[in-house]
Amino acid sequence: MRIRTDAVDECTTVCRVGGELDAYTAPDLRDSLDGLLEKGARWIVVDLKDLTYLDSTGLGILVGTAKKCRQAGGDLSVACQRRNLVRIFEISGTQEILNLVATAEEAATRLQELHEGCPEDASGEEAT
């Protein structure tokens, strides 16, 4: 699995995930997302454009991170167009919880719609 994070602005960070997200690799994603939250990120886009496989463990990490973002005053949006993965979100009923949209740009826009401005303590630091 590959993970790359980039700050969009002082409010929003994009986490791009590629490869397979399963019980073996999910802890790496959880650690990356938790690290973003620890650095002050509150509005997170998870871009799954290059993800080929997702299991229930990976899905649980995404849902858990969305909850953590909301508790911190932010939110999470998942960008995914792969039909097999979108189907997992539909079947599990998590597309609304995860603010599922097709592209990272749409996800960033979705998060902007959910907040007006950002708290001054929100960090847009780049992490790798």
C-alpha atoms as a PDB file:
ATOM      1  CA  MET A   1       0.000   0.000   0.000  1.00  0.00           C
ATOM      2  CA  ARG A   2       1.182   3.526  -0.783  1.00  0.00           C
ATOM      3  CA  ILE A   3       0.181   6.570   1.262  1.00  0.00           C
ATOM      4  CA  ARG A   4       0.973  10.179   0.403  1.00  0.00           C
ATOM      5  CA  THR A   5      -0.380  13.237   2.166  1.00  0.00           C
ATOM      6  CA  ASP A   6      -0.417  16.819   0.943  1.00  0.00           C
ATOM      7  CA  ALA A   7      -1.730  20.001   2.496  1.00  0.00           C
ATOM      8  CA  VAL A   8      -4.342  21.708   0.315  1.00  0.00           C
ATOM      9  CA  ASP A   9      -4.597  24.760   2.552  1.00  0.00           C
ATOM     10  CA  GLU A  10      -4.480  25.547   6.250  1.00  0.00           C
ATOM     11  CA  CYS A  11      -7.741  23.629   6.721  1.00  0.00           C
ATOM     12  CA  THR A  12      -7.609  20.631   4.425  1.00  0.00           C
ATOM     13  CA  THR A  13      -5.194  17.740   3.897  1.00  0.00           C
ATOM     14  CA  VAL A  14      -5.422  15.113   1.163  1.00  0.00           C
ATOM     15  CA  CYS A  15      -4.333  11.553   1.912  1.00  0.00           C
ATOM     16  CA  ARG A  16      -3.814   9.557  -1.302  1.00  0.00           C
ATOM     17  CA  VAL A  17      -3.964   5.789  -0.853  1.00  0.00           C
ATOM     18  CA  GLY A  18      -2.921   3.234  -3.466  1.00  0.00           C
ATOM     19  CA  GLY A  19      -2.620  -0.526  -3.638  1.00  0.00           C
ATOM     20  CA  GLU A  20      -4.597  -2.791  -1.331  1.00  0.00           C
ATOM     21  CA  LEU A  21      -6.167  -1.752   1.967  1.00  0.00           C
ATOM     22  CA  ASP A  22      -6.726  -4.859   4.050  1.00  0.00           C
ATOM     23  CA  ALA A  23      -6.187  -6.181   7.578  1.00  0.00           C
ATOM     24  CA  TYR A  24      -2.446  -6.314   6.965  1.00  0.00           C
ATOM     25  CA  THR A  25      -2.021  -2.762   5.603  1.00  0.00           C
ATOM     26  CA  ALA A  26      -4.841  -0.941   7.430  1.00  0.00           C
ATOM     27  CA  PRO A  27      -2.731  -0.128  10.511  1.00  0.00           C
ATOM     28  CA  ASP A  28      -0.391   1.923   8.276  1.00  0.00           C
ATOM     29  CA  LEU A  29      -3.315   4.015   7.049  1.00  0.00           C
ATOM     30  CA  ARG A  30      -4.682   4.403  10.574  1.00  0.00           C
ATOM     31  CA  ASP A  31      -1.271   5.599  11.769  1.00  0.00           C
ATOM     32  CA  SER A  32      -1.013   8.113   8.902  1.00  0.00           C
ATOM     33  CA  LEU A  33      -4.499   9.495   9.483  1.00  0.00           C
ATOM     34  CA  ASP A  34      -4.011   9.631  13.252  1.00  0.00           C
ATOM     35  CA  GLY A  35      -0.725  11.449  12.635  1.00  0.00           C
ATOM     36  CA  LEU A  36      -2.541  14.061  10.548  1.00  0.00           C
ATOM     37  CA  LEU A  37      -5.045  14.587  13.349  1.00  0.00           C
ATOM     38  CA  GLU A  38      -2.257  14.852  15.921  1.00  0.00           C
ATOM     39  CA  LYS A  39      -0.627  17.562  13.782  1.00  0.00           C
ATOM     40  CA  GLY A  40      -3.882  19.513  13.805  1.00  0.00           C
ATOM     41  CA  ALA A  41      -5.523  18.474  10.535  1.00  0.00           C
ATOM     42  CA  ARG A  42      -9.294  18.439  10.943  1.00  0.00           C
ATOM     43  CA  TRP A  43     -10.581  18.365   7.343  1.00  0.00           C
ATOM     44  CA  ILE A  44      -9.234  15.296   5.550  1.00  0.00           C
ATOM     45  CA  VAL A  45      -9.796  14.082   1.998  1.00  0.00           C
ATOM     46  CA  VAL A  46      -8.976  10.398   1.499  1.00  0.00           C
ATOM     47  CA  ASP A  47      -8.345   9.871  -2.222  1.00  0.00           C
ATOM     48  CA  LEU A  48      -8.778   6.212  -3.190  1.00  0.00           C
ATOM     49  CA  LYS A  49      -8.205   6.747  -6.926  1.00  0.00           C
ATOM     50  CA  ASP A  50      -5.281   4.294  -6.923  1.00  0.00           C
ATOM     51  CA  LEU A  51      -6.732   1.808  -4.423  1.00  0.00           C
ATOM     52  CA  THR A  52      -7.559  -1.592  -5.920  1.00  0.00           C
ATOM     53  CA  TYR A  53      -8.904  -3.487  -2.897  1.00  0.00           C
ATOM     54  CA  LEU A  54     -10.682  -2.589   0.343  1.00  0.00           C
ATOM     55  CA  ASP A  55     -11.801  -4.928   3.108  1.00  0.00           C
ATOM     56  CA  SER A  56     -13.846  -4.383   6.256  1.00  0.00           C
ATOM     57  CA  THR A  57     -10.773  -3.500   8.320  1.00  0.00           C
ATOM     58  CA  GLY A  58      -9.891  -0.669   5.947  1.00  0.00           C
ATOM     59  CA  LEU A  59     -13.499   0.466   5.894  1.00  0.00           C
ATOM     60  CA  GLY A  60     -13.488   0.550   9.689  1.00  0.00           C
ATOM     61  CA  ILE A  61     -10.369   2.753   9.687  1.00  0.00           C
ATOM     62  CA  LEU A  62     -12.108   5.250   7.385  1.00  0.00           C
ATOM     63  CA  VAL A  63     -15.280   5.343   9.485  1.00  0.00           C
ATOM     64  CA  GLY A  64     -13.276   5.667  12.698  1.00  0.00           C
ATOM     65  CA  THR A  65     -11.227   8.523  11.275  1.00  0.00           C
ATOM     66  CA  ALA A  66     -14.379  10.315  10.115  1.00  0.00           C
ATOM     67  CA  LYS A  67     -15.643  10.120  13.698  1.00  0.00           C
ATOM     68  CA  LYS A  68     -12.333  11.459  15.061  1.00  0.00           C
ATOM     69  CA  CYS A  69     -12.407  14.338  12.567  1.00  0.00           C
ATOM     70  CA  ARG A  70     -15.940  15.278  13.639  1.00  0.00           C
ATOM     71  CA  GLN A  71     -14.993  15.107  17.310  1.00  0.00           C
ATOM     72  CA  ALA A  72     -12.151  17.517  16.517  1.00  0.00           C
ATOM     73  CA  GLY A  73     -14.509  19.941  14.764  1.00  0.00           C
ATOM     74  CA  GLY A  74     -13.792  18.855  11.194  1.00  0.00           C
ATOM     75  CA  ASP A  75     -14.841  16.094   8.825  1.00  0.00           C
ATOM     76  CA  LEU A  76     -13.603  13.556   6.300  1.00  0.00           C
ATOM     77  CA  SER A  77     -14.544  12.967   2.680  1.00  0.00           C
ATOM     78  CA  VAL A  78     -13.608   9.930   0.584  1.00  0.00           C
ATOM     79  CA  ALA A  79     -12.951  10.232  -3.153  1.00  0.00           C
ATOM     80  CA  CYS A  80     -13.497   6.999  -5.076  1.00  0.00           C
ATOM     81  CA  GLN A  81     -14.637   6.123  -8.585  1.00  0.00           C
ATOM     82  CA  ARG A  82     -13.801   2.420  -8.742  1.00  0.00           C
ATOM     83  CA  ARG A  83     -17.107   0.637  -9.077  1.00  0.00           C
ATOM     84  CA  ASN A  84     -16.067  -2.382  -6.973  1.00  0.00           C
ATOM     85  CA  LEU A  85     -15.056  -0.107  -4.092  1.00  0.00           C
ATOM     86  CA  VAL A  86     -18.042   2.215  -4.417  1.00  0.00           C
ATOM     87  CA  ARG A  87     -20.224  -0.882  -4.166  1.00  0.00           C
ATOM     88  CA  ILE A  88     -18.628  -1.714  -0.788  1.00  0.00           C
ATOM     89  CA  PHE A  89     -19.544   1.751   0.506  1.00  0.00           C
ATOM     90  CA  GLU A  90     -23.092   1.355  -0.817  1.00  0.00           C
ATOM     91  CA  ILE A  91     -23.614  -2.112   0.651  1.00  0.00           C
ATOM     92  CA  SER A  92     -22.210  -1.066   4.035  1.00  0.00           C
ATOM     93  CA  GLY A  93     -24.261   2.132   4.075  1.00  0.00           C
ATOM     94  CA  THR A  94     -21.171   4.245   4.711  1.00  0.00           C
ATOM     95  CA  GLN A  95     -21.270   6.505   1.637  1.00  0.00           C
ATOM     96  CA  GLU A  96     -23.057   9.261   3.582  1.00  0.00           C
ATOM     97  CA  ILE A  97     -20.941   8.878   6.734  1.00  0.00           C
ATOM     98  CA  LEU A  98     -17.802   9.161   4.610  1.00  0.00           C
ATOM     99  CA  ASN A  99     -19.091  11.969   2.352  1.00  0.00           C
ATOM    100  CA  LEU A 100     -18.312   9.746  -0.649  1.00  0.00           C
ATOM    101  CA  VAL A 101     -17.735  11.567  -3.944  1.00  0.00           C
ATOM    102  CA  ALA A 102     -15.957  10.699  -7.190  1.00  0.00           C
ATOM    103  CA  THR A 103     -12.814  12.870  -7.124  1.00  0.00           C
ATOM    104  CA  ALA A 104     -10.450  14.517  -4.659  1.00  0.00           C
ATOM    105  CA  GLU A 105     -11.494  17.911  -6.004  1.00  0.00           C
ATOM    106  CA  GLU A 106     -15.143  17.127  -5.295  1.00  0.00           C
ATOM    107  CA  ALA A 107     -14.173  15.872  -1.828  1.00  0.00           C
ATOM    108  CA  ALA A 108     -12.317  19.114  -1.034  1.00  0.00           C
ATOM    109  CA  THR A 109     -15.326  21.097  -2.256  1.00  0.00           C
ATOM    110  CA  ARG A 110     -17.639  18.933  -0.134  1.00  0.00           C
ATOM    111  CA  LEU A 111     -15.557  19.653   2.966  1.00  0.00           C
ATOM    112  CA  GLN A 112     -15.521  23.374   2.173  1.00  0.00           C
ATOM    113  CA  GLU A 113     -19.307  23.264   2.009  1.00  0.00           C
ATOM    114  CA  LEU A 114     -19.383  21.645   5.452  1.00  0.00           C
ATOM    115  CA  HIS A 115     -17.431  24.404   7.135  1.00  0.00           C
ATOM    116  CA  GLU A 116     -17.204  28.151   6.929  1.00  0.00           C
ATOM    117  CA  GLY A 117     -13.598  29.154   7.447  1.00  0.00           C
ATOM    118  CA  CYS A 118     -11.346  27.101   9.630  1.00  0.00           C
ATOM    119  CA  PRO A 119     -10.146  27.309  13.174  1.00  0.00           C
ATOM    120  CA  GLU A 120      -6.846  29.093  13.550  1.00  0.00           C
ATOM    121  CA  ASP A 121      -5.296  26.055  15.209  1.00  0.00           C
ATOM    122  CA  ALA A 122      -6.018  23.805  12.190  1.00  0.00           C
ATOM    123  CA  SER A 123      -2.761  22.674  10.682  1.00  0.00           C
ATOM    124  CA  GLY A 124      -2.160  22.215   6.996  1.00  0.00           C
ATOM    125  CA  GLU A 125       1.306  20.786   7.496  1.00  0.00           C
ATOM    126  CA  GLU A 126       2.481  18.382   4.879  1.00  0.00           C
ATOM    127  CA  ALA A 127       3.166  14.877   6.124  1.00  0.00           C
ATOM    128  CA  THR A 128       4.687  11.930   4.341  1.00  0.00           C
END
